[in-house]
Protein backbone atom coordinates (compact mmCIF):
# COMPACT_ATOMS: atom_id res chain seq x y z
CA MET A 1 -10.57 16.10 70.14
CA THR A 2 -12.83 18.57 68.33
CA SER A 3 -12.73 18.47 64.56
CA ILE A 4 -12.97 21.69 62.57
CA ILE A 5 -15.34 21.57 59.60
CA SER A 6 -14.46 24.13 56.97
CA SER A 7 -17.16 25.49 54.69
CA PRO A 8 -16.77 24.69 50.97
CA PRO A 9 -15.37 27.44 48.74
CA ARG A 10 -18.01 29.82 47.41
CA THR A 11 -19.21 29.42 43.81
CA ILE A 12 -18.98 32.77 42.02
CA ARG A 13 -21.60 33.34 39.30
CA ILE A 14 -20.52 35.47 36.33
CA GLY A 15 -23.17 37.22 34.24
CA SER A 16 -22.74 37.69 30.49
CA ARG A 17 -24.73 38.62 27.41
CA LYS A 18 -25.26 35.74 25.00
CA SER A 19 -23.50 37.27 22.00
CA GLN A 20 -20.39 35.58 20.67
CA LEU A 21 -18.15 38.54 21.52
CA ALA A 22 -19.62 38.90 25.02
CA LEU A 23 -19.00 35.22 25.73
CA VAL A 24 -15.42 35.35 24.43
CA GLN A 25 -14.77 38.28 26.76
CA THR A 26 -16.50 36.63 29.73
CA TYR A 27 -14.70 33.31 29.30
CA TRP A 28 -11.41 35.24 29.18
CA VAL A 29 -12.23 36.86 32.55
CA GLN A 30 -13.29 33.46 33.92
CA GLU A 31 -9.96 31.96 32.86
CA GLN A 32 -7.95 34.79 34.42
CA LEU A 33 -9.75 34.30 37.73
CA LYS A 34 -9.45 30.50 37.64
CA ASN A 35 -5.71 30.82 37.15
CA ARG A 36 -5.43 33.08 40.21
CA TYR A 37 -7.96 31.29 42.41
CA PRO A 38 -7.95 27.57 41.49
CA ASP A 39 -9.94 26.60 44.59
CA ILE A 40 -12.92 28.79 43.68
CA THR A 41 -15.57 27.78 41.15
CA PHE A 42 -16.52 30.45 38.61
CA GLU A 43 -19.73 29.72 36.67
CA VAL A 44 -20.94 31.67 33.62
CA HIS A 45 -24.66 32.55 33.43
CA THR A 46 -25.98 34.15 30.24
CA MET A 47 -28.81 36.65 29.73
CA SER A 48 -30.33 38.51 26.76
CA THR A 49 -30.45 42.29 27.02
CA GLN A 50 -32.76 44.76 25.32
CA GLY A 51 -29.97 45.72 22.93
CA ASP A 52 -29.62 42.08 21.86
CA LYS A 53 -33.34 41.76 21.11
CA ILE A 54 -33.98 44.95 19.11
CA LEU A 55 -32.00 44.66 15.90
CA ASP A 56 -34.14 46.59 13.42
CA VAL A 57 -33.90 50.04 15.01
CA ALA A 58 -30.90 52.38 15.12
CA LEU A 59 -29.27 52.37 18.56
CA ALA A 60 -29.62 56.13 18.99
CA LYS A 61 -33.41 55.89 18.53
CA ILE A 62 -33.77 53.22 21.24
CA GLY A 63 -31.91 55.20 23.90
CA ASP A 64 -28.87 53.90 25.74
CA LYS A 65 -29.69 53.82 29.44
CA GLY A 66 -28.59 50.28 30.18
CA LEU A 67 -29.36 49.05 26.67
CA PHE A 68 -26.83 46.21 26.96
CA THR A 69 -26.54 46.07 30.77
CA LYS A 70 -29.88 46.47 32.58
CA GLU A 71 -30.87 42.79 32.69
CA LEU A 72 -27.45 41.85 34.06
CA GLU A 73 -27.68 44.58 36.68
CA VAL A 74 -31.10 43.34 37.81
CA GLY A 75 -29.57 39.86 38.08
CA MET A 76 -26.86 41.19 40.40
CA LEU A 77 -29.28 43.15 42.57
CA ASN A 78 -31.51 40.06 42.84
CA GLN A 79 -28.45 37.96 43.82
CA GLU A 80 -28.87 35.69 40.77
CA ILE A 81 -25.31 36.49 39.66
CA ASP A 82 -22.33 37.91 41.55
CA PHE A 83 -20.72 40.08 38.89
CA ALA A 84 -21.11 40.92 35.20
CA VAL A 85 -18.59 41.39 32.41
CA HIS A 86 -19.33 44.26 30.04
CA SER A 87 -17.67 45.91 27.08
CA LEU A 88 -16.87 49.06 29.03
CA LYS A 89 -18.12 51.29 26.21
CA ASP A 90 -21.64 49.86 26.80
CA LEU A 91 -21.66 50.54 30.55
CA PRO A 92 -23.44 53.79 31.49
CA THR A 93 -21.42 56.26 33.55
CA HIS A 94 -24.15 56.38 36.20
CA LEU A 95 -24.63 52.94 37.78
CA PRO A 96 -27.69 51.76 39.73
CA GLU A 97 -27.58 52.22 43.50
CA GLY A 98 -25.92 49.23 45.10
CA LEU A 99 -23.64 48.42 42.17
CA THR A 100 -20.08 49.52 41.44
CA LEU A 101 -17.43 49.31 38.72
CA ALA A 102 -15.14 46.81 40.44
CA ALA A 103 -12.35 46.43 37.88
CA ILE A 104 -11.23 47.46 34.40
CA THR A 105 -9.07 44.97 32.51
CA GLU A 106 -6.13 45.67 30.22
CA ARG A 107 -7.26 47.40 27.08
CA GLU A 108 -7.03 46.02 23.57
CA ASN A 109 -6.52 48.47 20.69
CA PRO A 110 -9.32 51.02 21.24
CA ALA A 111 -9.24 52.38 17.68
CA ASP A 112 -11.94 52.13 15.03
CA ALA A 113 -11.16 49.95 12.03
CA LEU A 114 -12.07 50.08 8.35
CA VAL A 115 -13.27 46.78 6.87
CA VAL A 116 -13.83 46.85 3.11
CA HIS A 117 -15.57 44.83 0.44
CA GLU A 118 -13.18 42.78 -1.68
CA LYS A 119 -13.53 45.20 -4.61
CA HIS A 120 -11.96 47.97 -2.51
CA LYS A 121 -8.99 45.99 -1.19
CA ASP A 122 -6.57 48.47 -2.78
CA LYS A 123 -8.27 51.48 -1.10
CA GLN A 124 -7.89 53.30 2.20
CA ILE A 125 -10.55 55.42 3.92
CA ASP A 126 -9.42 58.54 2.02
CA THR A 127 -9.32 56.86 -1.40
CA LEU A 128 -12.72 55.14 -1.39
CA PRO A 129 -14.85 56.47 -4.28
CA GLU A 130 -17.40 59.23 -3.97
CA GLY A 131 -20.75 57.82 -2.89
CA ALA A 132 -19.22 54.75 -1.24
CA VAL A 133 -21.75 53.22 1.17
CA ILE A 134 -20.26 53.09 4.66
CA GLY A 135 -22.00 51.03 7.34
CA THR A 136 -21.99 52.10 10.98
CA SER A 137 -24.48 52.04 13.85
CA SER A 138 -22.55 54.66 15.85
CA LEU A 139 -23.45 58.36 15.79
CA ARG A 140 -19.91 59.08 17.02
CA ARG A 141 -18.34 57.40 13.99
CA LEU A 142 -20.96 58.85 11.67
CA ALA A 143 -20.40 62.43 12.82
CA GLN A 144 -16.61 62.26 12.52
CA LEU A 145 -16.67 60.55 9.13
CA ARG A 146 -19.21 63.04 7.77
CA HIS A 147 -16.94 65.83 8.99
CA HIS A 148 -13.92 64.43 7.11
CA PHE A 149 -15.65 62.66 4.19
CA PRO A 150 -18.95 64.38 3.31
CA HIS A 151 -18.93 62.69 -0.12
CA PHE A 152 -19.65 59.20 1.32
CA ALA A 153 -23.12 57.70 1.78
CA PHE A 154 -23.79 56.36 5.25
CA LYS A 155 -26.14 53.52 6.16
CA ASP A 156 -27.05 52.06 9.55
CA VAL A 157 -25.95 48.47 10.22
CA ARG A 158 -27.10 46.30 13.15
CA GLY A 159 -26.65 42.68 14.16
CA ASN A 160 -23.71 40.73 15.54
CA LEU A 161 -20.30 40.93 13.95
CA ILE A 162 -20.84 37.87 11.71
CA THR A 163 -24.11 39.32 10.41
CA ARG A 164 -22.55 42.70 9.68
CA LEU A 165 -19.61 41.17 7.82
CA ALA A 166 -21.98 39.00 5.77
CA LYS A 167 -23.90 42.12 4.70
CA LEU A 168 -20.61 43.71 3.66
CA ASP A 169 -19.45 40.67 1.72
CA THR A 170 -22.72 40.41 -0.25
CA GLY A 171 -22.25 43.98 -1.45
CA GLU A 172 -24.83 45.78 0.68
CA TYR A 173 -22.02 48.08 1.86
CA ASP A 174 -18.69 49.18 0.40
CA ALA A 175 -17.10 49.30 3.85
CA LEU A 176 -17.88 49.02 7.54
CA ILE A 177 -16.42 50.88 10.51
CA LEU A 178 -16.02 48.52 13.47
CA ALA A 179 -14.07 48.35 16.72
CA ALA A 180 -10.61 46.87 16.14
CA ALA A 181 -10.74 45.22 19.58
CA GLY A 182 -13.90 43.25 18.81
CA LEU A 183 -12.46 41.90 15.57
CA GLU A 184 -9.22 40.93 17.30
CA ARG A 185 -10.99 39.20 20.20
CA LEU A 186 -13.04 37.09 17.78
CA GLY A 187 -9.96 36.06 15.82
CA MET A 188 -10.95 38.21 12.85
CA GLY A 189 -8.07 40.63 12.95
CA ASP A 190 -7.28 39.72 9.33
CA ARG A 191 -10.48 41.56 8.32
CA ILE A 192 -9.02 44.86 9.55
CA HIS A 193 -8.09 46.72 6.36
CA GLN A 194 -7.02 49.94 8.07
CA VAL A 195 -6.86 51.13 11.66
CA LEU A 196 -8.28 54.64 11.52
CA PRO A 197 -5.90 57.28 12.90
CA LYS A 198 -7.12 59.43 15.78
CA GLU A 199 -7.01 62.46 13.48
CA ILE A 200 -9.99 60.91 11.63
CA SER A 201 -11.86 59.03 14.35
CA LEU A 202 -11.50 59.40 18.09
CA HIS A 203 -12.75 56.21 19.72
CA ALA A 204 -15.68 55.61 22.07
CA VAL A 205 -15.31 56.11 25.81
CA GLY A 206 -14.00 52.82 27.25
CA GLN A 207 -13.66 51.16 23.84
CA GLY A 208 -11.36 48.12 23.90
CA ALA A 209 -11.57 47.62 27.69
CA LEU A 210 -13.75 45.31 29.78
CA GLY A 211 -15.62 46.70 32.77
CA ILE A 212 -16.58 44.32 35.57
CA GLU A 213 -19.56 45.39 37.67
CA CYS A 214 -20.63 43.88 40.99
CA ARG A 215 -22.58 44.62 44.16
CA ALA A 216 -20.91 47.41 46.09
CA ASP A 217 -21.23 45.55 49.41
CA ASP A 218 -19.72 42.25 48.19
CA SER A 219 -16.24 42.68 49.66
CA GLU A 220 -15.14 39.16 48.69
CA VAL A 221 -15.90 39.59 45.00
CA LEU A 222 -14.47 43.12 44.99
CA SER A 223 -11.20 41.77 46.39
CA LEU A 224 -11.04 38.93 43.84
CA LEU A 225 -11.65 41.24 40.89
CA LYS A 226 -8.94 43.74 41.84
CA ALA A 227 -6.39 41.05 40.94
CA ILE A 228 -7.19 41.39 37.23
CA GLU A 229 -7.46 45.18 37.06
CA HIS A 230 -4.95 47.02 34.85
CA THR A 231 -3.87 50.31 36.44
CA GLU A 232 -3.01 52.25 33.27
CA THR A 233 -6.22 51.20 31.53
CA ARG A 234 -8.22 52.10 34.63
CA ASP A 235 -6.77 55.62 34.75
CA ARG A 236 -7.35 56.18 31.03
CA CYS A 237 -10.93 54.90 31.16
CA LEU A 238 -11.84 56.75 34.36
CA ALA A 239 -10.77 60.00 32.68
CA GLU A 240 -12.85 59.16 29.61
CA ARG A 241 -15.92 58.17 31.64
CA SER A 242 -15.65 61.30 33.77
CA PHE A 243 -15.55 63.41 30.59
CA LEU A 244 -18.67 61.69 29.23
CA ARG A 245 -20.50 61.88 32.57
CA SER A 246 -19.70 65.60 32.93
CA LEU A 247 -21.22 66.31 29.52
CA GLU A 248 -24.25 64.18 30.46
CA GLY A 249 -23.71 62.25 27.27
CA GLY A 250 -24.51 58.60 26.66
CA CYS A 251 -22.96 55.68 24.82
CA GLN A 252 -24.71 56.56 21.54
CA VAL A 253 -24.00 60.30 21.19
CA PRO A 254 -21.20 61.79 19.04
CA ILE A 255 -18.57 62.09 21.75
CA GLY A 256 -15.11 60.69 21.00
CA VAL A 257 -11.92 60.45 23.04
CA ASN A 258 -8.28 59.48 22.99
CA THR A 259 -6.08 58.95 26.03
CA GLU A 260 -2.34 58.46 26.37
CA ILE A 261 -0.13 57.97 29.43
CA SER A 262 3.51 58.99 29.57
CA GLY A 263 5.16 58.44 32.94
CA ASP A 264 2.84 59.92 35.56
CA ASN A 265 1.01 62.13 33.06
CA LEU A 266 -2.25 61.41 31.27
CA THR A 267 -3.30 63.27 28.13
CA LEU A 268 -7.01 63.28 27.30
CA THR A 269 -8.40 64.52 23.98
CA GLY A 270 -12.13 64.78 23.37
CA ILE A 271 -14.56 65.85 20.66
CA VAL A 272 -18.24 66.63 20.49
CA ALA A 273 -19.75 66.76 17.00
CA SER A 274 -23.13 67.28 15.41
CA VAL A 275 -24.51 64.25 13.59
CA ASP A 276 -24.07 65.97 10.20
CA GLY A 277 -20.42 66.66 11.02
CA GLN A 278 -20.81 70.40 10.49
CA LYS A 279 -20.34 71.45 14.11
CA PHE A 280 -17.21 70.09 15.72
CA VAL A 281 -15.41 71.05 18.95
CA LYS A 282 -12.20 69.42 20.11
CA ASP A 283 -9.60 70.05 22.82
CA THR A 284 -6.91 68.35 24.93
CA VAL A 285 -5.86 68.43 28.59
CA THR A 286 -2.85 66.92 30.35
CA GLY A 287 -2.33 66.22 34.04
CA ILE A 288 -1.40 63.65 36.65
CA ALA A 289 -2.88 60.22 35.89
CA ASN A 290 -3.93 59.81 39.53
CA ASN A 291 -6.31 62.74 38.97
CA ALA A 292 -7.94 61.05 35.97
CA GLU A 293 -11.53 61.93 36.84
CA ALA A 294 -10.66 65.58 37.48
CA LEU A 295 -9.08 65.74 34.01
CA GLY A 296 -12.30 64.48 32.47
CA ILE A 297 -14.26 67.23 34.22
CA GLU A 298 -11.70 69.84 33.11
CA LEU A 299 -11.94 68.81 29.47
CA ALA A 300 -15.73 68.76 29.55
CA GLU A 301 -15.74 72.35 30.81
CA LEU A 302 -13.34 73.44 28.06
CA LEU A 303 -15.60 71.97 25.39
CA ARG A 304 -18.70 73.50 26.99
CA GLN A 305 -17.05 76.90 26.60
CA GLN A 306 -16.67 76.11 22.88
CA GLY A 307 -20.33 75.16 22.37
CA ALA A 308 -20.43 71.44 23.16
CA GLN A 309 -23.60 71.66 25.27
CA GLU A 310 -25.53 73.37 22.48
CA ILE A 311 -24.50 70.63 20.03
CA LEU A 312 -25.58 67.90 22.45
CA SER A 313 -28.89 69.62 23.22
CA GLU A 314 -29.72 69.68 19.51
CA ILE A 315 -28.86 65.97 19.18
CA PHE A 316 -30.97 64.97 22.21
CA ALA A 317 -33.92 66.95 20.83
CA VAL A 318 -33.70 65.12 17.50
CA ILE A 319 -33.40 61.71 19.19
CA GLN A 320 -36.39 62.42 21.44
CA ARG A 321 -38.47 63.35 18.39
CA GLY A 322 -37.54 59.97 16.92
CA SER A 323 -36.02 61.51 13.81
């Protein structure tokens, strides 16, 4: 009688940045996969990215082509890891050849949040005093806030979430603008003083969602990851990423979005703003959610007709000069 020897289950290697938030997100994905595939081993491997190492320069001045993703992508292409977990807002819309966006997980609240110093606990964004020092490392947030609140003072803030909050609490800033999702994922939701309405701050493309990237030819991993994809989040984020890609914008430029799904319809709103908040174009499109990427292209064209490309060209010129 011939015995059949089965090969042991494959060990899947998950790539992650080393930051606290990145690890929380990666361990969550690991747990979801373990629950669905208990016979497969999922190992987490950590790497430092360029964005983790350069903390004394504003993000827009560094450039954003793979700032938080390149090292992980090299690891996948070199077969050191099998897939990587990213904050989707950090993942460029053009991926390296051989890699693909395999899954997008259910989105947390994508909104921006106001976190204030104790002395301003009775204030909201519109009642903070003139000259209040607002910390943000995002040109998107900066442009929109300058548009609505030109009387504030704005100051760049870098570092992990704990470092930023410590700078706020010691009085270096009156308030910070941070992603609500990041605070919630780290168990710091109590620090959210106000969730900013979309009328004040449209969020970043992909904000609040996790994007899982893997080799395009790894059919096994692609199949495993589809089990944790969230269809509504995928449609919303594909529309947003298509909008950003069509404008040839990057993660660090002043482009904001908001998406909503009602039944089969998806509504996408987008803005492009100058860094000083003086130039500001905004529009909305609605269509079938299954045509998410086409909606993003449609909205980009509408904003181009209103001057979006000229605004972006001016911003890119300033960034390239290192101003």
